[in-house]
Amino acid sequence: MGETELHRVLVAVRAGRWEELTGWPGSYWVLAANERERFVCGDLAGLRPVYYTANGTWATHLRLLKKRLVPDLALAAARVVAGSDHWPGRSPYEGINLVPGGHGLLLRVGQAPQLVDVTAIQPAEDLQSGAAQFGATLTQAVQYRVRAAGATVGADLSGGLDSSAAVVLASQVGQVHAVTYTDAYTSAEDASFAARIAEHTDIEHTIAHGTDEDLPFSFPTGQPTGLEPALGAALFEMDRTYLAPVTGLPLHLTGHGGDVVLDATSSVWVRLLQDGKRRAAHRQIVAYARMRNVAPGPFWNGLKDTAALGRTGVLEKAVEQLEKNRLQHAPGVGGWSWCRLGTAASWLTPDGRAQVATLLRQAAADTSPPERADEFDQWAALRFTGASARGWAPYADALGIRPVYPYLDNTVVRAAFAVPSETRRGLYTFKPLLSAALPNLPDWLLGRRSKGSFTPQRVMAFQQHRTQLGYLLAVSPLVTSGLFDHDAVADTLAQLGQGRTPIGSADMHQLLTVSWWLTGAGICSFTGASC
């Protein structure tokens, strides 16, 4: 930091312009103070967390709070049922708060802790005007790390746009060893694109061929865990197989977060409807539906109803469905919503429905989340992605991997979110921001519209591990505490294991990983022992 920059920062601290302390490249914590107050925050994505209590005690690691850690079971159930979007300021533990991504914590003597918005997005006019800045920041986020490593770096290379773009940028300034996972259930197209990128960049490339021993949900003895649940816990054996060739390298690049910053969901059309741009919304929704062979009418009506209800109305409707047990068990029309109760809602007991309804009612009364659909969605998705990366840290340590997430850097997030979300949602091109920002990427890569999925592996894993998973669910505190009905959960697991339907597999994935985390896999036991 030069003298000029140091002077600017000191002026900002004296004036309490805290967001100015979060504009450097990378991902980091900030701690600053003036004569009146102290400020602390992590990054926008929440990869670097800050926890705090009502009395103003704070820490960057849960154990540093020196407080007994008691998992909040009702909140865990609510997040399985309704997603994590609605309680961004809650940690997994009772009485411990989490500073949401995009915020900092302001502490004044004699006053309650206060959250400060540090998002500081400066909107661009359109895609083209914001693309150059995004391209420059993403390039810097990747390449300064590779240069600093001064040696061969590892990298994920799934064959998708996000990891491929990071590998191309890294290969321009250093040596890269990329790794790709494939097995009998993965898309051959993924491996083909990965191999083509490796040839294009002339990097070292290892394709790991997994077996059924690497399928999700094996939870082998000795598998590490952390103080927060992580969906990646289910993929430990898969990760161990394909990351083995790059163990011990100074850093490992991932494309994690690319979906959030490069793309947008159908929330953009809800935003258009909220803004009264009905004709533009209808035109885009119909075009999107027809391209995917979906009936435009129900899709349009669903998004129109979502816009009319707004966030509060949608949450209140979900509360009513839970309290009156009027859950829709059949698949819905689809499209984005502030809250969509999935298969997991049908597993709740009456007491479980009541407790989740109470938490959703509290969320509905909260006036702090953005009411504009696209803004709410992009920040919720970013925080979820950051939490996933944060939760994977113990597994990275165990595997000898030092992951970095350039798509989650503050500068990259801000440059992406500055671009209007409507223009990041491509109708005829996939992730148009990437092609506009990095036009020198190969046309054959930018033209890819498909995307691989681990759903086949997940379904096969339900069958292969059905006995031990059934036992895990039987002893899960979410079941034994009376929040979820064991028979309902077991019936869904049996149907998934028999391949009857993939519906509910994502909810089951989340319930299983949370249950594994709760059943003494390394956190507090429920016998009253202190953590």
Protein backbone atom coordinates (compact mmCIF):
# COMPACT_ATOMS: atom_id res chain seq x y z
CA MET A 1 0.00 0.00 0.00
CA GLY A 2 1.53 3.29 -1.11
CA GLU A 3 1.48 6.55 0.82
CA THR A 4 -1.36 8.00 -1.26
CA GLU A 5 -3.53 4.93 -0.71
CA LEU A 6 -2.72 4.87 2.99
CA HIS A 7 -3.77 8.52 3.32
CA ARG A 8 -7.05 7.80 1.50
CA VAL A 9 -7.79 4.88 3.81
CA LEU A 10 -7.06 6.87 6.97
CA VAL A 11 -9.38 9.65 5.81
CA ALA A 12 -12.12 7.05 5.14
CA VAL A 13 -11.67 5.53 8.61
CA ARG A 14 -11.90 8.92 10.34
CA ALA A 15 -15.07 9.71 8.39
CA GLY A 16 -16.62 6.28 8.91
CA ARG A 17 -16.79 5.50 5.18
CA TRP A 18 -16.27 1.82 5.86
CA GLU A 19 -17.13 0.48 2.42
CA GLU A 20 -13.98 2.15 1.08
CA LEU A 21 -11.93 -0.39 3.06
CA THR A 22 -13.33 -3.30 1.04
CA GLY A 23 -12.31 -2.29 -2.47
CA TRP A 24 -8.92 -3.99 -2.80
CA PRO A 25 -8.48 -7.13 -4.92
CA GLY A 26 -8.75 -10.48 -3.22
CA SER A 27 -10.67 -11.83 -0.26
CA TYR A 28 -9.80 -10.67 3.26
CA TRP A 29 -10.97 -9.43 6.64
CA VAL A 30 -10.95 -5.74 7.54
CA LEU A 31 -10.53 -4.32 11.05
CA ALA A 32 -10.43 -0.57 11.60
CA ALA A 33 -11.25 1.91 14.31
CA ASN A 34 -11.50 5.62 14.97
CA GLU A 35 -12.04 7.49 18.21
CA ARG A 36 -15.79 6.69 18.19
CA GLU A 37 -16.21 3.15 16.90
CA ARG A 38 -14.67 -0.08 15.66
CA PHE A 39 -15.48 -1.74 12.34
CA VAL A 40 -14.92 -5.34 11.26
CA CYS A 41 -16.05 -7.24 8.19
CA GLY A 42 -15.19 -10.10 5.87
CA ASP A 43 -15.68 -10.31 2.13
CA LEU A 44 -18.89 -9.77 0.18
CA ALA A 45 -19.49 -13.50 -0.34
CA GLY A 46 -19.01 -14.49 3.30
CA LEU A 47 -16.08 -16.75 2.51
CA ARG A 48 -14.30 -15.01 5.40
CA PRO A 49 -16.94 -14.90 8.14
CA VAL A 50 -17.44 -12.69 11.17
CA TYR A 51 -19.50 -14.09 14.04
CA TYR A 52 -20.82 -12.03 16.93
CA THR A 53 -23.10 -12.12 19.94
CA ALA A 54 -25.64 -9.66 21.27
CA ASN A 55 -23.13 -8.21 23.74
CA GLY A 56 -20.71 -7.26 20.96
CA THR A 57 -18.21 -10.11 21.26
CA TRP A 58 -16.99 -11.04 17.79
CA ALA A 59 -14.57 -13.46 16.15
CA THR A 60 -13.55 -14.76 12.75
CA HIS A 61 -13.81 -18.36 13.98
CA LEU A 62 -16.60 -19.83 16.06
CA ARG A 63 -14.31 -21.36 18.67
CA LEU A 64 -12.68 -17.99 19.32
CA LEU A 65 -15.97 -16.74 20.76
CA LYS A 66 -15.35 -19.07 23.72
CA LYS A 67 -19.06 -19.76 23.84
CA ARG A 68 -20.76 -23.13 24.10
CA LEU A 69 -21.94 -24.11 20.65
CA VAL A 70 -25.50 -25.41 20.64
CA PRO A 71 -26.82 -26.20 17.14
CA ASP A 72 -30.12 -24.51 16.29
CA LEU A 73 -32.18 -27.50 15.14
CA ALA A 74 -35.27 -25.53 14.13
CA LEU A 75 -33.17 -23.27 11.93
CA ALA A 76 -31.40 -26.28 10.41
CA ALA A 77 -34.77 -27.81 9.53
CA ALA A 78 -36.04 -24.52 8.08
CA ARG A 79 -32.99 -24.21 5.85
CA VAL A 80 -33.51 -27.74 4.53
CA VAL A 81 -37.15 -26.96 3.80
CA ALA A 82 -37.04 -23.36 2.56
CA GLY A 83 -33.40 -22.61 1.74
CA SER A 84 -30.88 -20.49 3.59
CA ASP A 85 -31.87 -17.22 1.90
CA HIS A 86 -34.20 -15.95 4.61
CA TRP A 87 -31.86 -15.89 7.63
CA PRO A 88 -28.55 -14.49 6.35
CA GLY A 89 -27.67 -13.10 9.77
CA ARG A 90 -28.03 -16.39 11.64
CA SER A 91 -25.22 -18.86 12.31
CA PRO A 92 -25.97 -22.59 12.76
CA TYR A 93 -25.82 -22.08 16.54
CA GLU A 94 -28.19 -20.63 19.08
CA GLY A 95 -27.28 -17.13 20.25
CA ILE A 96 -24.54 -16.56 17.67
CA ASN A 97 -25.06 -14.22 14.75
CA LEU A 98 -23.27 -14.08 11.41
CA VAL A 99 -22.44 -10.84 9.63
CA PRO A 100 -24.14 -11.34 6.23
CA GLY A 101 -22.03 -10.98 3.11
CA GLY A 102 -22.21 -7.40 1.90
CA HIS A 103 -22.22 -6.04 5.46
CA GLY A 104 -19.79 -5.11 8.17
CA LEU A 105 -20.14 -4.94 11.95
CA LEU A 106 -19.98 -1.58 13.70
CA LEU A 107 -19.23 -1.59 17.41
CA ARG A 108 -19.69 1.40 19.73
CA VAL A 109 -19.17 1.39 23.49
CA GLY A 110 -22.45 0.95 25.31
CA GLN A 111 -24.46 0.23 22.18
CA ALA A 112 -25.73 -2.93 20.51
CA PRO A 113 -23.75 -4.17 17.48
CA GLN A 114 -24.92 -2.59 14.24
CA LEU A 115 -24.75 -3.97 10.69
CA VAL A 116 -23.44 -1.61 8.00
CA ASP A 117 -24.11 -2.08 4.28
CA VAL A 118 -20.80 -2.17 2.34
CA THR A 119 -22.07 -3.50 -1.00
CA ALA A 120 -21.11 -0.26 -2.80
CA ILE A 121 -22.27 -1.31 -6.27
CA GLN A 122 -21.84 1.39 -8.94
CA PRO A 123 -24.31 0.42 -11.70
CA ALA A 124 -23.15 0.22 -15.30
CA GLU A 125 -25.51 1.36 -18.05
CA ASP A 126 -25.53 -1.90 -19.97
CA LEU A 127 -23.67 -5.13 -20.66
CA GLN A 128 -21.03 -3.65 -22.93
CA SER A 129 -20.16 -0.73 -20.66
CA GLY A 130 -19.62 -3.05 -17.69
CA ALA A 131 -18.00 -5.99 -19.48
CA ALA A 132 -14.54 -4.45 -19.89
CA GLN A 133 -14.27 -3.70 -16.17
CA PHE A 134 -15.45 -7.18 -15.29
CA GLY A 135 -12.95 -8.77 -17.68
CA ALA A 136 -10.11 -6.74 -16.21
CA THR A 137 -11.00 -7.55 -12.60
CA LEU A 138 -11.47 -11.28 -13.26
CA THR A 139 -8.17 -11.42 -15.14
CA GLN A 140 -6.42 -9.69 -12.25
CA ALA A 141 -8.08 -11.95 -9.68
CA VAL A 142 -6.75 -15.05 -11.41
CA GLN A 143 -3.39 -13.88 -12.65
CA TYR A 144 -2.03 -12.04 -9.62
CA ARG A 145 -2.45 -15.22 -7.60
CA VAL A 146 -0.68 -17.35 -10.19
CA ARG A 147 2.21 -14.89 -10.42
CA ALA A 148 2.46 -14.72 -6.62
CA ALA A 149 2.60 -18.52 -6.36
CA GLY A 150 5.77 -18.59 -8.47
CA ALA A 151 5.26 -22.30 -9.20
CA THR A 152 2.82 -24.69 -10.83
CA VAL A 153 -0.70 -24.20 -9.52
CA GLY A 154 -3.58 -26.63 -9.48
CA ALA A 155 -6.97 -25.95 -11.03
CA ASP A 156 -10.36 -27.55 -11.40
CA LEU A 157 -11.31 -28.10 -15.03
CA SER A 158 -14.83 -29.42 -15.31
CA GLY A 159 -15.23 -28.43 -18.94
CA GLY A 160 -17.75 -25.72 -18.10
CA LEU A 161 -17.32 -22.04 -18.86
CA ASP A 162 -16.37 -20.91 -15.35
CA SER A 163 -13.43 -23.22 -14.61
CA SER A 164 -12.31 -23.16 -18.27
CA ALA A 165 -12.09 -19.36 -18.30
CA ALA A 166 -10.05 -19.38 -15.07
CA VAL A 167 -7.66 -21.99 -16.51
CA VAL A 168 -7.19 -20.01 -19.75
CA LEU A 169 -6.35 -16.84 -17.79
CA ALA A 170 -4.01 -18.69 -15.43
CA SER A 171 -2.15 -20.40 -18.28
CA GLN A 172 -1.27 -17.01 -19.77
CA VAL A 173 1.04 -16.17 -16.85
CA GLY A 174 2.11 -19.45 -15.26
CA GLN A 175 2.20 -23.22 -15.18
CA VAL A 176 -1.08 -25.00 -14.47
CA HIS A 177 -1.90 -28.60 -13.59
CA ALA A 178 -5.64 -29.04 -14.15
CA VAL A 179 -7.70 -31.96 -12.90
CA THR A 180 -11.01 -33.32 -14.16
CA TYR A 181 -13.29 -35.92 -12.61
CA THR A 182 -15.20 -38.43 -14.68
CA ASP A 183 -16.95 -41.72 -14.04
CA ALA A 184 -19.62 -43.92 -15.56
CA TYR A 185 -22.32 -41.36 -14.75
CA THR A 186 -20.75 -38.07 -15.82
CA SER A 187 -21.37 -36.39 -19.15
CA ALA A 188 -18.80 -37.38 -21.76
CA GLU A 189 -19.18 -33.85 -23.12
CA ASP A 190 -17.70 -32.40 -19.94
CA ALA A 191 -14.52 -34.43 -20.21
CA SER A 192 -14.29 -33.66 -23.93
CA PHE A 193 -14.45 -29.90 -23.36
CA ALA A 194 -11.96 -30.16 -20.49
CA ALA A 195 -9.48 -32.05 -22.67
CA ARG A 196 -9.94 -29.51 -25.45
CA ILE A 197 -9.23 -26.61 -23.10
CA ALA A 198 -6.12 -28.38 -21.81
CA GLU A 199 -4.88 -28.85 -25.37
CA HIS A 200 -5.72 -25.24 -26.27
CA THR A 201 -3.73 -23.89 -23.30
CA ASP A 202 -0.95 -26.51 -23.43
CA ILE A 203 -1.19 -27.26 -19.72
CA GLU A 204 -0.69 -30.44 -17.74
CA HIS A 205 -4.02 -32.21 -17.39
CA THR A 206 -5.08 -35.26 -15.39
CA ILE A 207 -8.45 -36.92 -15.87
CA ALA A 208 -9.38 -38.98 -12.82
CA HIS A 209 -11.65 -41.95 -13.51
CA GLY A 210 -13.83 -42.53 -10.48
CA THR A 211 -15.53 -45.76 -9.52
CA ASP A 212 -18.61 -46.62 -7.49
CA GLU A 213 -16.39 -46.38 -4.42
CA ASP A 214 -16.26 -42.63 -5.04
CA LEU A 215 -20.04 -42.10 -5.17
CA PRO A 216 -21.47 -39.49 -2.78
CA PHE A 217 -22.66 -40.14 0.77
CA SER A 218 -20.12 -42.77 1.75
CA PHE A 219 -19.00 -40.67 4.76
CA PRO A 220 -15.92 -42.83 5.43
CA THR A 221 -14.57 -43.28 8.95
CA GLY A 222 -12.19 -40.46 9.75
CA GLN A 223 -13.68 -38.03 7.27
CA PRO A 224 -13.06 -34.52 8.62
CA THR A 225 -15.73 -31.98 9.29
CA GLY A 226 -16.04 -28.40 10.42
CA LEU A 227 -18.19 -26.27 12.67
CA GLU A 228 -20.69 -25.58 9.90
CA PRO A 229 -22.55 -28.06 7.66
CA ALA A 230 -21.42 -28.25 4.04
CA LEU A 231 -23.02 -29.94 1.05
CA GLY A 232 -19.52 -30.82 -0.16
CA ALA A 233 -19.19 -33.25 2.75
CA ALA A 234 -21.11 -35.80 0.69
CA LEU A 235 -18.49 -35.67 -2.10
CA PHE A 236 -15.38 -36.33 -0.02
CA GLU A 237 -14.33 -39.56 -1.73
CA MET A 238 -14.86 -38.04 -5.17
CA ASP A 239 -12.76 -35.05 -4.21
CA ARG A 240 -10.03 -37.25 -2.78
CA THR A 241 -9.79 -39.22 -6.02
CA TYR A 242 -9.55 -36.39 -8.51
CA LEU A 243 -7.58 -33.91 -6.40
CA ALA A 244 -4.81 -36.35 -5.48
CA PRO A 245 -2.54 -35.30 -8.41
CA VAL A 246 -2.48 -31.65 -7.27
CA THR A 247 -2.07 -32.17 -3.53
CA GLY A 248 0.54 -29.87 -2.00
CA LEU A 249 0.61 -27.25 -4.77
CA PRO A 250 0.74 -23.63 -3.56
CA LEU A 251 -2.84 -22.93 -4.62
CA HIS A 252 -5.78 -24.46 -6.43
CA LEU A 253 -8.02 -22.38 -8.70
CA THR A 254 -11.73 -23.14 -8.85
CA GLY A 255 -14.67 -21.84 -10.87
CA HIS A 256 -16.83 -21.80 -7.75
CA GLY A 257 -19.10 -18.75 -7.88
CA GLY A 258 -19.02 -18.32 -11.64
CA ASP A 259 -22.69 -19.19 -11.98
CA VAL A 260 -23.62 -16.40 -9.57
CA VAL A 261 -21.60 -13.55 -11.09
CA LEU A 262 -21.80 -14.52 -14.77
CA ASP A 263 -25.47 -15.41 -14.95
CA ALA A 264 -28.82 -14.44 -13.48
CA THR A 265 -32.01 -16.40 -12.88
CA SER A 266 -35.61 -15.82 -13.92
CA SER A 267 -35.76 -13.40 -11.00
CA VAL A 268 -34.81 -10.77 -13.60
CA TRP A 269 -38.23 -11.15 -15.20
CA VAL A 270 -39.93 -10.83 -11.83
CA ARG A 271 -37.97 -7.57 -11.45
CA LEU A 272 -39.23 -6.36 -14.83
CA LEU A 273 -42.78 -7.05 -13.69
CA GLN A 274 -42.14 -5.24 -10.42
CA ASP A 275 -40.93 -2.23 -12.41
CA GLY A 276 -44.07 -2.26 -14.58
CA LYS A 277 -42.23 -3.48 -17.70
CA ARG A 278 -44.86 -6.09 -18.44
CA ARG A 279 -44.40 -6.22 -22.22
CA ALA A 280 -40.63 -6.71 -22.02
CA ALA A 281 -41.06 -9.38 -19.36
CA HIS A 282 -43.69 -11.24 -21.36
CA ARG A 283 -41.61 -11.18 -24.52
CA GLN A 284 -38.56 -12.62 -22.80
CA ILE A 285 -40.46 -15.20 -20.76
CA VAL A 286 -42.30 -16.54 -23.82
CA ALA A 287 -39.06 -16.75 -25.82
CA TYR A 288 -37.29 -18.52 -22.97
CA ALA A 289 -40.12 -21.01 -22.44
CA ARG A 290 -40.44 -21.89 -26.12
CA MET A 291 -36.70 -22.43 -26.50
CA ARG A 292 -36.90 -25.00 -23.71
CA ASN A 293 -40.16 -26.60 -24.83
CA VAL A 294 -42.03 -25.33 -21.77
CA ALA A 295 -45.59 -24.06 -21.98
CA PRO A 296 -45.29 -20.24 -21.78
CA GLY A 297 -48.70 -19.65 -20.17
CA PRO A 298 -48.21 -21.36 -16.78
CA PHE A 299 -44.61 -20.13 -16.61
CA TRP A 300 -45.74 -16.54 -17.24
CA ASN A 301 -48.60 -16.76 -14.75
CA GLY A 302 -46.33 -18.20 -12.05
CA LEU A 303 -43.80 -15.38 -12.34
CA LYS A 304 -46.56 -12.80 -12.57
CA ASP A 305 -48.10 -14.06 -9.32
CA THR A 306 -44.67 -14.02 -7.67
CA ALA A 307 -44.15 -10.38 -8.63
CA ALA A 308 -47.61 -9.42 -7.41
CA LEU A 309 -47.14 -11.06 -4.00
CA GLY A 310 -43.64 -9.72 -3.40
CA ARG A 311 -41.21 -11.18 -0.91
CA THR A 312 -43.42 -10.68 2.14
CA GLY A 313 -46.49 -12.08 0.41
CA VAL A 314 -44.66 -15.18 -0.84
CA LEU A 315 -43.27 -15.92 2.62
CA GLU A 316 -46.67 -15.42 4.23
CA LYS A 317 -48.18 -17.82 1.69
CA ALA A 318 -45.53 -20.40 2.59
CA VAL A 319 -46.38 -19.92 6.28
CA GLU A 320 -50.04 -20.55 5.53
CA GLN A 321 -49.22 -23.70 3.56
CA LEU A 322 -47.21 -25.05 6.47
CA GLU A 323 -49.69 -24.14 9.19
CA LYS A 324 -52.67 -25.57 7.28
CA ASN A 325 -50.66 -28.49 5.89
CA ARG A 326 -51.64 -27.56 2.35
CA LEU A 327 -48.38 -28.54 0.72
CA GLN A 328 -48.13 -29.10 -3.00
CA HIS A 329 -46.56 -32.51 -3.45
CA ALA A 330 -46.62 -32.39 -7.25
CA PRO A 331 -43.87 -30.54 -9.14
CA GLY A 332 -44.76 -26.90 -9.76
CA VAL A 333 -44.53 -24.85 -12.91
CA GLY A 334 -41.02 -23.70 -12.03
CA GLY A 335 -39.49 -20.29 -12.33
CA TRP A 336 -37.97 -18.19 -9.60
CA SER A 337 -39.67 -17.40 -6.31
CA TRP A 338 -38.61 -15.87 -3.01
CA CYS A 339 -39.55 -19.11 -1.30
CA ARG A 340 -40.50 -22.43 -2.82
CA LEU A 341 -41.28 -25.21 -0.39
CA GLY A 342 -39.81 -28.41 -1.78
CA THR A 343 -40.17 -32.10 -1.06
CA ALA A 344 -38.60 -31.65 2.37
CA ALA A 345 -41.68 -29.73 3.56
CA SER A 346 -43.69 -32.97 3.26
CA TRP A 347 -41.29 -34.66 5.71
CA LEU A 348 -42.05 -32.25 8.54
CA THR A 349 -44.05 -33.31 11.56
CA PRO A 350 -46.84 -31.01 12.82
CA ASP A 351 -44.39 -29.58 15.35
CA GLY A 352 -41.77 -29.21 12.61
CA ARG A 353 -44.21 -27.33 10.39
CA ALA A 354 -45.07 -25.01 13.28
CA GLN A 355 -41.44 -24.21 14.05
CA VAL A 356 -40.47 -23.64 10.42
CA ALA A 357 -43.58 -21.49 9.94
CA THR A 358 -42.56 -19.35 12.92
CA LEU A 359 -39.11 -18.75 11.45
CA LEU A 360 -40.55 -17.89 8.04
CA ARG A 361 -43.01 -15.47 9.65
CA GLN A 362 -40.09 -13.75 11.37
CA ALA A 363 -38.27 -13.55 8.04
CA ALA A 364 -41.36 -12.04 6.38
CA ALA A 365 -41.42 -9.29 9.02
CA ASP A 366 -37.77 -8.41 8.37
CA THR A 367 -37.61 -5.24 6.26
CA SER A 368 -33.88 -5.32 5.55
CA PRO A 369 -33.68 -7.74 2.55
CA PRO A 370 -34.03 -6.18 -0.91
CA GLU A 371 -37.58 -6.23 -2.24
CA ARG A 372 -36.39 -6.23 -5.86
CA ALA A 373 -36.31 -9.84 -6.94
CA ASP A 374 -33.02 -9.81 -8.86
CA GLU A 375 -31.14 -8.01 -6.08
CA PHE A 376 -32.45 -10.36 -3.41
CA ASP A 377 -31.63 -13.38 -5.54
CA GLN A 378 -28.08 -12.47 -6.51
CA TRP A 379 -27.02 -11.66 -2.95
CA ALA A 380 -28.72 -14.76 -1.57
CA ALA A 381 -26.98 -16.91 -4.19
CA LEU A 382 -23.63 -15.25 -3.48
CA ARG A 383 -23.91 -15.86 0.27
CA PHE A 384 -24.92 -19.48 -0.30
CA THR A 385 -21.94 -19.97 -2.58
CA GLY A 386 -19.60 -18.32 -0.10
CA ALA A 387 -20.95 -20.49 2.71
CA SER A 388 -20.39 -23.61 0.61
CA ALA A 389 -16.78 -22.63 -0.02
CA ARG A 390 -16.31 -21.72 3.64
CA GLY A 391 -17.75 -25.05 4.73
CA TRP A 392 -15.39 -26.97 2.43
CA ALA A 393 -12.28 -25.61 4.16
CA PRO A 394 -11.78 -28.62 6.50
CA TYR A 395 -11.92 -30.99 3.53
CA ALA A 396 -9.42 -28.88 1.60
CA ASP A 397 -7.06 -29.01 4.57
CA ALA A 398 -7.40 -32.78 4.83
CA LEU A 399 -6.73 -33.20 1.11
CA GLY A 400 -3.72 -30.88 1.04
CA ILE A 401 -5.45 -28.33 -1.20
CA ARG A 402 -5.32 -24.53 -0.89
CA PRO A 403 -8.41 -23.42 -2.85
CA VAL A 404 -8.83 -19.91 -4.17
CA TYR A 405 -12.06 -18.52 -5.54
CA PRO A 406 -11.39 -15.66 -7.97
CA TYR A 407 -15.08 -15.34 -8.90
CA LEU A 408 -15.82 -14.50 -5.24
CA ASP A 409 -13.32 -11.64 -4.94
CA ASN A 410 -14.88 -8.35 -3.86
CA THR A 411 -13.76 -6.56 -7.02
CA VAL A 412 -15.09 -9.33 -9.27
CA VAL A 413 -18.45 -9.47 -7.49
CA ARG A 414 -18.88 -5.72 -7.67
CA ALA A 415 -17.93 -5.57 -11.35
CA ALA A 416 -20.43 -8.34 -12.15
CA PHE A 417 -23.30 -6.99 -10.07
CA ALA A 418 -22.76 -3.55 -11.61
CA VAL A 419 -23.94 -5.03 -14.92
CA PRO A 420 -27.76 -5.04 -15.11
CA SER A 421 -28.96 -8.51 -14.17
CA GLU A 422 -31.35 -8.59 -17.12
CA THR A 423 -28.41 -8.39 -19.52
CA ARG A 424 -26.53 -11.15 -17.68
CA ARG A 425 -29.50 -13.45 -18.28
CA GLY A 426 -28.93 -14.69 -21.81
CA LEU A 427 -31.84 -15.87 -23.92
CA TYR A 428 -29.84 -16.93 -26.96
CA THR A 429 -26.34 -17.06 -25.51
CA PHE A 430 -25.13 -18.68 -22.31
CA LYS A 431 -23.51 -16.34 -19.78
CA PRO A 432 -23.23 -13.39 -22.18
CA LEU A 433 -21.14 -11.39 -19.69
CA LEU A 434 -18.24 -13.81 -20.12
CA SER A 435 -18.12 -13.53 -23.91
CA ALA A 436 -18.42 -9.74 -23.72
CA ALA A 437 -15.73 -9.48 -21.04
CA LEU A 438 -13.26 -12.01 -22.47
CA PRO A 439 -13.88 -12.06 -26.23
CA ASN A 440 -10.58 -13.84 -26.89
CA LEU A 441 -11.82 -17.06 -25.32
CA PRO A 442 -12.36 -19.79 -27.95
CA ASP A 443 -15.67 -19.51 -29.81
CA TRP A 444 -16.30 -23.23 -29.37
CA LEU A 445 -16.12 -22.76 -25.59
CA LEU A 446 -18.29 -19.65 -25.44
CA GLY A 447 -20.83 -21.37 -27.64
CA ARG A 448 -21.39 -24.21 -25.17
CA ARG A 449 -24.92 -24.16 -23.75
CA SER A 450 -25.05 -27.46 -21.88
CA LYS A 451 -23.95 -28.02 -18.30
CA GLY A 452 -23.02 -31.22 -16.52
CA SER A 453 -24.72 -32.43 -13.34
CA PHE A 454 -23.97 -34.82 -10.50
CA THR A 455 -27.63 -35.87 -10.16
CA PRO A 456 -26.99 -39.36 -11.70
CA GLN A 457 -24.22 -40.01 -9.17
CA ARG A 458 -26.45 -38.82 -6.37
CA VAL A 459 -29.31 -41.14 -7.35
CA MET A 460 -26.96 -44.13 -7.71
CA ALA A 461 -25.45 -43.30 -4.31
CA PHE A 462 -28.88 -43.42 -2.67
CA GLN A 463 -29.15 -46.98 -3.90
CA GLN A 464 -25.60 -48.06 -3.04
CA HIS A 465 -25.59 -46.58 0.48
CA ARG A 466 -29.27 -46.98 1.31
CA THR A 467 -28.68 -49.07 4.45
CA GLN A 468 -26.21 -46.74 6.15
CA LEU A 469 -28.12 -43.67 4.99
CA GLY A 470 -31.31 -45.08 6.42
CA TYR A 471 -29.55 -45.53 9.76
CA LEU A 472 -28.13 -42.01 9.59
CA LEU A 473 -31.62 -40.57 9.11
CA ALA A 474 -33.02 -42.70 11.95
CA VAL A 475 -30.54 -41.24 14.45
CA SER A 476 -30.49 -37.72 13.03
CA PRO A 477 -31.31 -35.08 15.69
CA LEU A 478 -33.65 -33.53 13.12
CA VAL A 479 -35.68 -36.74 13.29
CA THR A 480 -35.24 -37.73 16.92
CA SER A 481 -36.18 -34.21 18.05
CA GLY A 482 -39.51 -34.57 16.26
CA LEU A 483 -38.96 -32.02 13.48
CA PHE A 484 -38.96 -34.51 10.59
CA ASP A 485 -41.08 -37.64 10.34
CA HIS A 486 -38.84 -40.68 9.98
CA ASP A 487 -41.28 -42.73 7.88
CA ALA A 488 -41.82 -39.88 5.40
CA VAL A 489 -38.10 -39.33 4.95
CA ALA A 490 -37.36 -43.05 4.71
CA ASP A 491 -40.06 -43.50 2.06
CA THR A 492 -38.54 -40.76 -0.11
CA LEU A 493 -35.06 -42.22 0.33
CA ALA A 494 -36.36 -45.63 -0.75
CA GLN A 495 -37.98 -44.17 -3.86
CA LEU A 496 -34.82 -42.29 -4.75
CA GLY A 497 -32.72 -45.40 -4.21
CA GLN A 498 -34.97 -47.38 -6.54
CA GLY A 499 -34.62 -44.75 -9.23
CA ARG A 500 -38.35 -44.07 -9.35
CA THR A 501 -37.92 -40.31 -9.39
CA PRO A 502 -35.14 -37.72 -9.02
CA ILE A 503 -37.59 -35.32 -7.38
CA GLY A 504 -36.41 -34.55 -3.87
CA SER A 505 -32.80 -35.64 -4.43
CA ALA A 506 -31.45 -32.15 -3.73
CA ASP A 507 -33.48 -31.86 -0.52
CA MET A 508 -32.32 -35.33 0.53
CA HIS A 509 -28.70 -34.34 -0.16
CA GLN A 510 -29.05 -31.40 2.17
CA LEU A 511 -30.85 -33.34 4.90
CA LEU A 512 -28.25 -36.11 4.82
CA THR A 513 -25.25 -33.79 5.05
CA VAL A 514 -26.80 -31.75 7.86
CA SER A 515 -27.73 -34.96 9.68
CA TRP A 516 -24.21 -36.34 9.30
CA TRP A 517 -22.82 -33.08 10.64
CA LEU A 518 -25.19 -33.12 13.60
CA THR A 519 -24.70 -36.74 14.63
CA GLY A 520 -21.36 -36.19 16.30
CA ALA A 521 -19.15 -36.14 13.19
CA GLY A 522 -16.89 -33.66 14.92
CA ILE A 523 -19.12 -30.97 16.44
CA CYS A 524 -20.77 -30.80 19.83
CA SER A 525 -22.61 -33.88 20.97
CA PHE A 526 -26.14 -33.49 22.20
CA THR A 527 -25.34 -34.91 25.60
CA GLY A 528 -24.66 -31.48 27.05
CA ALA A 529 -20.90 -31.63 26.60
CA SER A 530 -19.27 -28.29 25.93
CA CYS A 531 -17.67 -27.61 22.57
